[in-house]
Amino acid sequence: MSKTASKLEILTYPNPVLREVSKPVTEFKPELKKFAEDMLETMYEAKGIGLAAVQVGNPIQLLVIDTRSKDEVGQRYKYDEMTELEQSIEQPLILINPEIVKGYGKTTFDEGCLSVPSFFDTVERFEKIDVKAKDIHGKEFKFTVDGLLAICVQHEMDHLSGTLFIDHLSFLKSNKIKNQIKKNGYPDPKKSDDDDEDNSARSRKSKSKDPVKA
């Protein structure tokens, strides 16, 4: 990653930009690469595992993802906690104009979102997915993945259509969260960080049921 990467502002619900439908990327200029690097820097700084361009105010079909689990000091990646399909995919991932070609099976996972901080709930997703996308140079590539990476790709792709993970919850539960945010805002982020210190955003489902933020 470039040493000149900059941290961007992550928009939070109910910012209306998050409801915009992202437009396909048609030009693959150096500025796009710089923007993707800034998104990765922002994602890592926020201790997230995925980020969509619309979450930082640019509604284009661009996602950055890195679900690799790290050890307690954050130095070495723990690949033994990843599925074989996950291990076969080089991360961080930059996905431009991504599409889910096919989904297989069903699974559930406790999800959170950098745009809905401090709220977590269980969402149903495909267990495995076939994906096609373009890289930062505009070259198309395809992959099949399961595990946490598949969950994260689906979560981030929801953002491209203006959908948040809380929209997948029951009507009553979703409205309760939305009304709570609109009325009281979000909890103090410093207190939330202290409370979640042991619930790393990179936890694996096989190890625990700690939620992930994307």
C-alpha atoms as a PDB file:
ATOM      1  CA  MET A   1       0.000   0.000   0.000  1.00  0.00           C
ATOM      2  CA  SER A   2       1.156   3.510  -0.760  1.00  0.00           C
ATOM      3  CA  LYS A   3       2.729   5.439   2.105  1.00  0.00           C
ATOM      4  CA  THR A   4       0.671   8.431   0.988  1.00  0.00           C
ATOM      5  CA  ALA A   5      -2.694   6.722   1.585  1.00  0.00           C
ATOM      6  CA  SER A   6      -5.150   9.003   3.371  1.00  0.00           C
ATOM      7  CA  LYS A   7      -7.887   8.266   5.857  1.00  0.00           C
ATOM      8  CA  LEU A   8     -11.391   9.020   4.600  1.00  0.00           C
ATOM      9  CA  GLU A   9     -14.578   9.823   6.517  1.00  0.00           C
ATOM     10  CA  ILE A  10     -16.928   6.852   6.919  1.00  0.00           C
ATOM     11  CA  LEU A  11     -20.564   7.885   6.581  1.00  0.00           C
ATOM     12  CA  THR A  12     -23.056   6.513   9.093  1.00  0.00           C
ATOM     13  CA  TYR A  13     -26.779   5.801   8.920  1.00  0.00           C
ATOM     14  CA  PRO A  14     -29.057   7.732   8.363  1.00  0.00           C
ATOM     15  CA  ASN A  15     -26.849   9.638   5.899  1.00  0.00           C
ATOM     16  CA  PRO A  16     -28.865   9.521   2.635  1.00  0.00           C
ATOM     17  CA  VAL A  17     -25.770   8.865   0.502  1.00  0.00           C
ATOM     18  CA  LEU A  18     -25.713   5.316   1.916  1.00  0.00           C
ATOM     19  CA  ARG A  19     -29.036   4.674   0.180  1.00  0.00           C
ATOM     20  CA  GLU A  20     -27.756   5.640  -3.265  1.00  0.00           C
ATOM     21  CA  VAL A  21     -27.306   2.969  -5.930  1.00  0.00           C
ATOM     22  CA  SER A  22     -23.632   2.856  -6.904  1.00  0.00           C
ATOM     23  CA  LYS A  23     -22.681   3.385 -10.534  1.00  0.00           C
ATOM     24  CA  PRO A  24     -20.376   1.064 -12.511  1.00  0.00           C
ATOM     25  CA  VAL A  25     -16.764   2.158 -12.878  1.00  0.00           C
ATOM     26  CA  THR A  26     -15.941   2.920 -16.526  1.00  0.00           C
ATOM     27  CA  GLU A  27     -12.501   4.558 -16.283  1.00  0.00           C
ATOM     28  CA  PHE A  28      -9.505   2.897 -14.659  1.00  0.00           C
ATOM     29  CA  LYS A  29      -7.179   5.827 -14.057  1.00  0.00           C
ATOM     30  CA  PRO A  30      -4.381   6.234 -11.461  1.00  0.00           C
ATOM     31  CA  GLU A  31      -6.806   8.223  -9.325  1.00  0.00           C
ATOM     32  CA  LEU A  32      -8.915   5.100  -8.906  1.00  0.00           C
ATOM     33  CA  LYS A  33      -5.961   3.149  -7.518  1.00  0.00           C
ATOM     34  CA  LYS A  34      -5.166   5.973  -5.083  1.00  0.00           C
ATOM     35  CA  PHE A  35      -8.790   6.037  -3.950  1.00  0.00           C
ATOM     36  CA  ALA A  36      -8.767   2.264  -3.375  1.00  0.00           C
ATOM     37  CA  GLU A  37      -5.579   2.621  -1.295  1.00  0.00           C
ATOM     38  CA  ASP A  38      -7.236   5.356   0.759  1.00  0.00           C
ATOM     39  CA  MET A  39     -10.225   3.075   1.303  1.00  0.00           C
ATOM     40  CA  LEU A  40      -7.991   0.253   2.541  1.00  0.00           C
ATOM     41  CA  GLU A  41      -6.188   2.614   4.913  1.00  0.00           C
ATOM     42  CA  THR A  42      -9.564   3.817   6.212  1.00  0.00           C
ATOM     43  CA  MET A  43     -10.853   0.256   6.636  1.00  0.00           C
ATOM     44  CA  TYR A  44      -7.762  -0.899   8.553  1.00  0.00           C
ATOM     45  CA  GLU A  45      -7.831   2.199  10.768  1.00  0.00           C
ATOM     46  CA  ALA A  46     -11.484   1.472  11.631  1.00  0.00           C
ATOM     47  CA  LYS A  47     -10.656  -2.203  12.371  1.00  0.00           C
ATOM     48  CA  GLY A  48     -13.071  -3.343   9.703  1.00  0.00           C
ATOM     49  CA  ILE A  49     -12.804  -6.176   7.200  1.00  0.00           C
ATOM     50  CA  GLY A  50     -14.595  -4.568   4.264  1.00  0.00           C
ATOM     51  CA  LEU A  51     -15.579  -1.168   2.908  1.00  0.00           C
ATOM     52  CA  ALA A  52     -17.640   0.030  -0.045  1.00  0.00           C
ATOM     53  CA  ALA A  53     -16.902   3.293  -1.839  1.00  0.00           C
ATOM     54  CA  VAL A  54     -20.362   4.630  -1.089  1.00  0.00           C
ATOM     55  CA  GLN A  55     -19.549   4.361   2.638  1.00  0.00           C
ATOM     56  CA  VAL A  56     -16.974   7.112   2.147  1.00  0.00           C
ATOM     57  CA  GLY A  57     -19.277   9.228   0.015  1.00  0.00           C
ATOM     58  CA  ASN A  58     -18.418   8.017  -3.488  1.00  0.00           C
ATOM     59  CA  PRO A  59     -21.261   5.878  -4.927  1.00  0.00           C
ATOM     60  CA  ILE A  60     -19.270   3.818  -7.408  1.00  0.00           C
ATOM     61  CA  GLN A  61     -19.042   0.024  -7.616  1.00  0.00           C
ATOM     62  CA  LEU A  62     -15.788  -0.406  -5.735  1.00  0.00           C
ATOM     63  CA  LEU A  63     -15.162  -2.617  -2.696  1.00  0.00           C
ATOM     64  CA  VAL A  64     -12.064  -3.307  -0.612  1.00  0.00           C
ATOM     65  CA  ILE A  65     -11.881  -6.394   1.603  1.00  0.00           C
ATOM     66  CA  ASP A  66      -9.387  -8.103   3.896  1.00  0.00           C
ATOM     67  CA  THR A  67     -10.768 -10.834   6.168  1.00  0.00           C
ATOM     68  CA  ARG A  68      -7.453 -12.426   7.125  1.00  0.00           C
ATOM     69  CA  SER A  69      -7.253 -13.197  10.823  1.00  0.00           C
ATOM     70  CA  LYS A  70      -4.190 -11.969  12.716  1.00  0.00           C
ATOM     71  CA  ASP A  71      -2.535 -13.130  15.911  1.00  0.00           C
ATOM     72  CA  GLU A  72      -2.973 -11.331  19.217  1.00  0.00           C
ATOM     73  CA  VAL A  73      -0.296  -8.730  18.459  1.00  0.00           C
ATOM     74  CA  GLY A  74      -1.518  -8.186  14.916  1.00  0.00           C
ATOM     75  CA  GLN A  75       1.735  -9.254  13.279  1.00  0.00           C
ATOM     76  CA  ARG A  76       1.200 -12.618  11.605  1.00  0.00           C
ATOM     77  CA  TYR A  77      -1.779 -13.852   9.641  1.00  0.00           C
ATOM     78  CA  LYS A  78      -3.370 -17.033  10.972  1.00  0.00           C
ATOM     79  CA  TYR A  79      -4.139 -18.858   7.749  1.00  0.00           C
ATOM     80  CA  ASP A  80      -5.076 -22.041   9.608  1.00  0.00           C
ATOM     81  CA  GLU A  81      -8.336 -20.336  10.576  1.00  0.00           C
ATOM     82  CA  MET A  82      -9.285 -19.827   6.926  1.00  0.00           C
ATOM     83  CA  THR A  83     -11.033 -22.292   4.638  1.00  0.00           C
ATOM     84  CA  GLU A  84      -9.136 -23.756   1.682  1.00  0.00           C
ATOM     85  CA  LEU A  85     -11.054 -21.524  -0.712  1.00  0.00           C
ATOM     86  CA  GLU A  86     -10.258 -18.435   1.357  1.00  0.00           C
ATOM     87  CA  GLN A  87      -6.577 -19.334   1.487  1.00  0.00           C
ATOM     88  CA  SER A  88      -6.501 -19.613  -2.313  1.00  0.00           C
ATOM     89  CA  ILE A  89      -7.480 -15.938  -2.744  1.00  0.00           C
ATOM     90  CA  GLU A  90      -4.896 -13.188  -2.390  1.00  0.00           C
ATOM     91  CA  GLN A  91      -5.920 -10.414  -0.026  1.00  0.00           C
ATOM     92  CA  PRO A  92      -6.521  -7.543   0.347  1.00  0.00           C
ATOM     93  CA  LEU A  93      -9.120  -7.735  -2.392  1.00  0.00           C
ATOM     94  CA  ILE A  94     -10.142  -4.813  -4.567  1.00  0.00           C
ATOM     95  CA  LEU A  95     -13.380  -5.604  -6.391  1.00  0.00           C
ATOM     96  CA  ILE A  96     -14.678  -3.280  -9.088  1.00  0.00           C
ATOM     97  CA  ASN A  97     -18.105  -3.761 -10.689  1.00  0.00           C
ATOM     98  CA  PRO A  98     -18.514  -7.070  -8.793  1.00  0.00           C
ATOM     99  CA  GLU A  99     -21.279  -9.575  -9.472  1.00  0.00           C
ATOM    100  CA  ILE A 100     -22.370 -12.692  -7.625  1.00  0.00           C
ATOM    101  CA  VAL A 101     -22.805 -15.177 -10.461  1.00  0.00           C
ATOM    102  CA  LYS A 102     -24.180 -17.979  -8.295  1.00  0.00           C
ATOM    103  CA  GLY A 103     -24.835 -18.702  -4.629  1.00  0.00           C
ATOM    104  CA  TYR A 104     -24.839 -22.060  -2.866  1.00  0.00           C
ATOM    105  CA  GLY A 105     -26.496 -23.120   0.372  1.00  0.00           C
ATOM    106  CA  LYS A 106     -27.357 -20.928   3.347  1.00  0.00           C
ATOM    107  CA  THR A 107     -25.533 -19.863   6.494  1.00  0.00           C
ATOM    108  CA  THR A 108     -25.926 -17.245   9.214  1.00  0.00           C
ATOM    109  CA  PHE A 109     -23.384 -14.916  10.776  1.00  0.00           C
ATOM    110  CA  ASP A 110     -23.375 -12.119  13.332  1.00  0.00           C
ATOM    111  CA  GLU A 111     -22.680  -8.998  11.305  1.00  0.00           C
ATOM    112  CA  GLY A 112     -21.932  -5.385  12.067  1.00  0.00           C
ATOM    113  CA  CYS A 113     -21.177  -2.423   9.836  1.00  0.00           C
ATOM    114  CA  LEU A 114     -18.775   0.497   9.917  1.00  0.00           C
ATOM    115  CA  SER A 115     -21.714   2.656   8.800  1.00  0.00           C
ATOM    116  CA  VAL A 116     -23.920   1.385  11.638  1.00  0.00           C
ATOM    117  CA  PRO A 117     -21.335   1.281  14.444  1.00  0.00           C
ATOM    118  CA  SER A 118     -21.962  -0.619  17.707  1.00  0.00           C
ATOM    119  CA  PHE A 119     -24.961  -2.573  16.365  1.00  0.00           C
ATOM    120  CA  PHE A 120     -24.723  -6.281  15.543  1.00  0.00           C
ATOM    121  CA  ASP A 121     -27.214  -8.969  14.548  1.00  0.00           C
ATOM    122  CA  THR A 122     -27.557 -12.285  12.751  1.00  0.00           C
ATOM    123  CA  VAL A 123     -28.003 -12.215   8.969  1.00  0.00           C
ATOM    124  CA  GLU A 124     -28.599 -15.100   6.554  1.00  0.00           C
ATOM    125  CA  ARG A 125     -26.293 -15.327   3.526  1.00  0.00           C
ATOM    126  CA  PHE A 126     -25.205 -17.776   0.836  1.00  0.00           C
ATOM    127  CA  GLU A 127     -22.687 -20.241   2.243  1.00  0.00           C
ATOM    128  CA  LYS A 128     -20.562 -20.205  -0.924  1.00  0.00           C
ATOM    129  CA  ILE A 129     -20.544 -17.851  -3.912  1.00  0.00           C
ATOM    130  CA  ASP A 130     -19.132 -17.554  -7.427  1.00  0.00           C
ATOM    131  CA  VAL A 131     -17.966 -13.990  -8.045  1.00  0.00           C
ATOM    132  CA  LYS A 132     -16.720 -12.042 -11.030  1.00  0.00           C
ATOM    133  CA  ALA A 133     -15.266  -8.552 -10.869  1.00  0.00           C
ATOM    134  CA  LYS A 134     -12.641  -6.286 -12.379  1.00  0.00           C
ATOM    135  CA  ASP A 135      -9.323  -5.462 -10.780  1.00  0.00           C
ATOM    136  CA  ILE A 136      -7.805  -2.009 -10.398  1.00  0.00           C
ATOM    137  CA  HIS A 137      -6.572  -2.136 -14.012  1.00  0.00           C
ATOM    138  CA  GLY A 138      -9.964  -3.099 -15.450  1.00  0.00           C
ATOM    139  CA  LYS A 139      -9.123  -6.766 -16.025  1.00  0.00           C
ATOM    140  CA  GLU A 140     -11.923  -9.209 -15.257  1.00  0.00           C
ATOM    141  CA  PHE A 141     -11.304 -12.071 -12.845  1.00  0.00           C
ATOM    142  CA  LYS A 142     -13.431 -14.756 -11.212  1.00  0.00           C
ATOM    143  CA  PHE A 143     -13.275 -16.716  -7.980  1.00  0.00           C
ATOM    144  CA  THR A 144     -15.305 -19.035  -5.759  1.00  0.00           C
ATOM    145  CA  VAL A 145     -15.222 -18.591  -1.996  1.00  0.00           C
ATOM    146  CA  ASP A 146     -16.904 -19.585   1.237  1.00  0.00           C
ATOM    147  CA  GLY A 147     -16.309 -18.772   4.895  1.00  0.00           C
ATOM    148  CA  LEU A 148     -15.990 -15.270   6.282  1.00  0.00           C
ATOM    149  CA  LEU A 149     -14.769 -13.897   2.961  1.00  0.00           C
ATOM    150  CA  ALA A 150     -18.003 -14.973   1.245  1.00  0.00           C
ATOM    151  CA  ILE A 151     -20.023 -13.313   4.013  1.00  0.00           C
ATOM    152  CA  CYS A 152     -18.052 -10.099   3.673  1.00  0.00           C
ATOM    153  CA  VAL A 153     -18.356  -9.949  -0.127  1.00  0.00           C
ATOM    154  CA  GLN A 154     -22.145 -10.302   0.144  1.00  0.00           C
ATOM    155  CA  HIS A 155     -22.323  -7.678   2.903  1.00  0.00           C
ATOM    156  CA  GLU A 156     -20.286  -5.177   0.905  1.00  0.00           C
ATOM    157  CA  MET A 157     -22.183  -5.826  -2.312  1.00  0.00           C
ATOM    158  CA  ASP A 158     -25.397  -4.903  -0.485  1.00  0.00           C
ATOM    159  CA  HIS A 159     -23.976  -1.389  -0.107  1.00  0.00           C
ATOM    160  CA  LEU A 160     -23.839  -1.052  -3.899  1.00  0.00           C
ATOM    161  CA  SER A 161     -27.643  -1.197  -4.014  1.00  0.00           C
ATOM    162  CA  GLY A 162     -28.107   1.076  -0.992  1.00  0.00           C
ATOM    163  CA  THR A 163     -28.840  -1.802   1.390  1.00  0.00           C
ATOM    164  CA  LEU A 164     -27.550  -2.063   4.972  1.00  0.00           C
ATOM    165  CA  PHE A 165     -27.313  -5.241   7.029  1.00  0.00           C
ATOM    166  CA  ILE A 166     -30.066  -3.979   9.335  1.00  0.00           C
ATOM    167  CA  ASP A 167     -32.429  -4.065   6.347  1.00  0.00           C
ATOM    168  CA  HIS A 168     -32.165  -7.868   6.422  1.00  0.00           C
ATOM    169  CA  LEU A 169     -33.582  -8.055   9.951  1.00  0.00           C
ATOM    170  CA  SER A 170     -37.252  -8.412  10.840  1.00  0.00           C
ATOM    171  CA  PHE A 171     -39.379  -5.321  10.325  1.00  0.00           C
ATOM    172  CA  LEU A 172     -39.745  -4.751  14.071  1.00  0.00           C
ATOM    173  CA  LYS A 173     -36.075  -5.290  14.901  1.00  0.00           C
ATOM    174  CA  SER A 174     -34.864  -3.180  11.983  1.00  0.00           C
ATOM    175  CA  ASN A 175     -37.181  -0.294  12.816  1.00  0.00           C
ATOM    176  CA  LYS A 176     -36.206  -0.438  16.487  1.00  0.00           C
ATOM    177  CA  ILE A 177     -32.528   0.003  15.617  1.00  0.00           C
ATOM    178  CA  LYS A 178     -33.207   2.744  13.068  1.00  0.00           C
ATOM    179  CA  ASN A 179     -35.452   4.681  15.440  1.00  0.00           C
ATOM    180  CA  GLN A 180     -32.941   4.318  18.274  1.00  0.00           C
ATOM    181  CA  ILE A 181     -30.177   5.757  16.092  1.00  0.00           C
ATOM    182  CA  LYS A 182     -32.324   8.631  14.850  1.00  0.00           C
ATOM    183  CA  LYS A 183     -33.425   9.484  18.380  1.00  0.00           C
ATOM    184  CA  ASN A 184     -30.239   8.947  20.399  1.00  0.00           C
ATOM    185  CA  GLY A 185     -27.438   8.741  17.847  1.00  0.00           C
ATOM    186  CA  TYR A 186     -24.574   6.289  18.364  1.00  0.00           C
ATOM    187  CA  PRO A 187     -22.788   5.316  21.597  1.00  0.00           C
ATOM    188  CA  ASP A 188     -19.470   6.979  22.374  1.00  0.00           C
ATOM    189  CA  PRO A 189     -16.969   5.333  19.989  1.00  0.00           C
ATOM    190  CA  LYS A 190     -14.173   5.290  22.595  1.00  0.00           C
ATOM    191  CA  LYS A 191     -16.331   3.359  25.046  1.00  0.00           C
ATOM    192  CA  SER A 192     -17.385   0.967  22.277  1.00  0.00           C
ATOM    193  CA  ASP A 193     -13.745   0.350  21.355  1.00  0.00           C
ATOM    194  CA  ASP A 194     -12.947  -0.473  24.974  1.00  0.00           C
ATOM    195  CA  ASP A 195     -15.909  -2.830  25.250  1.00  0.00           C
ATOM    196  CA  ASP A 196     -15.066  -4.578  21.974  1.00  0.00           C
ATOM    197  CA  GLU A 197     -11.333  -4.839  22.532  1.00  0.00           C
ATOM    198  CA  ASP A 198     -11.467  -8.625  22.804  1.00  0.00           C
ATOM    199  CA  ASN A 199     -14.076  -9.010  20.060  1.00  0.00           C
ATOM    200  CA  SER A 200     -11.727  -8.481  17.118  1.00  0.00           C
ATOM    201  CA  ALA A 201     -13.350  -7.621  13.801  1.00  0.00           C
ATOM    202  CA  ARG A 202     -11.285 -10.417  12.323  1.00  0.00           C
ATOM    203  CA  SER A 203     -12.604 -13.242  14.516  1.00  0.00           C
ATOM    204  CA  ARG A 204     -13.517 -16.476  12.754  1.00  0.00           C
ATOM    205  CA  LYS A 205     -16.851 -18.229  13.140  1.00  0.00           C
ATOM    206  CA  SER A 206     -15.052 -21.518  13.688  1.00  0.00           C
ATOM    207  CA  LYS A 207     -13.362 -20.030  16.743  1.00  0.00           C
ATOM    208  CA  SER A 208     -16.197 -17.994  18.230  1.00  0.00           C
ATOM    209  CA  LYS A 209     -19.406 -16.175  17.430  1.00  0.00           C
ATOM    210  CA  ASP A 210     -17.947 -12.719  17.810  1.00  0.00           C
ATOM    211  CA  PRO A 211     -19.491 -10.336  15.234  1.00  0.00           C
ATOM    212  CA  VAL A 212     -17.551  -8.804  12.372  1.00  0.00           C
ATOM    213  CA  LYS A 213     -17.627  -5.239  11.082  1.00  0.00           C
ATOM    214  CA  ALA A 214     -17.645  -4.486   7.381  1.00  0.00           C
END
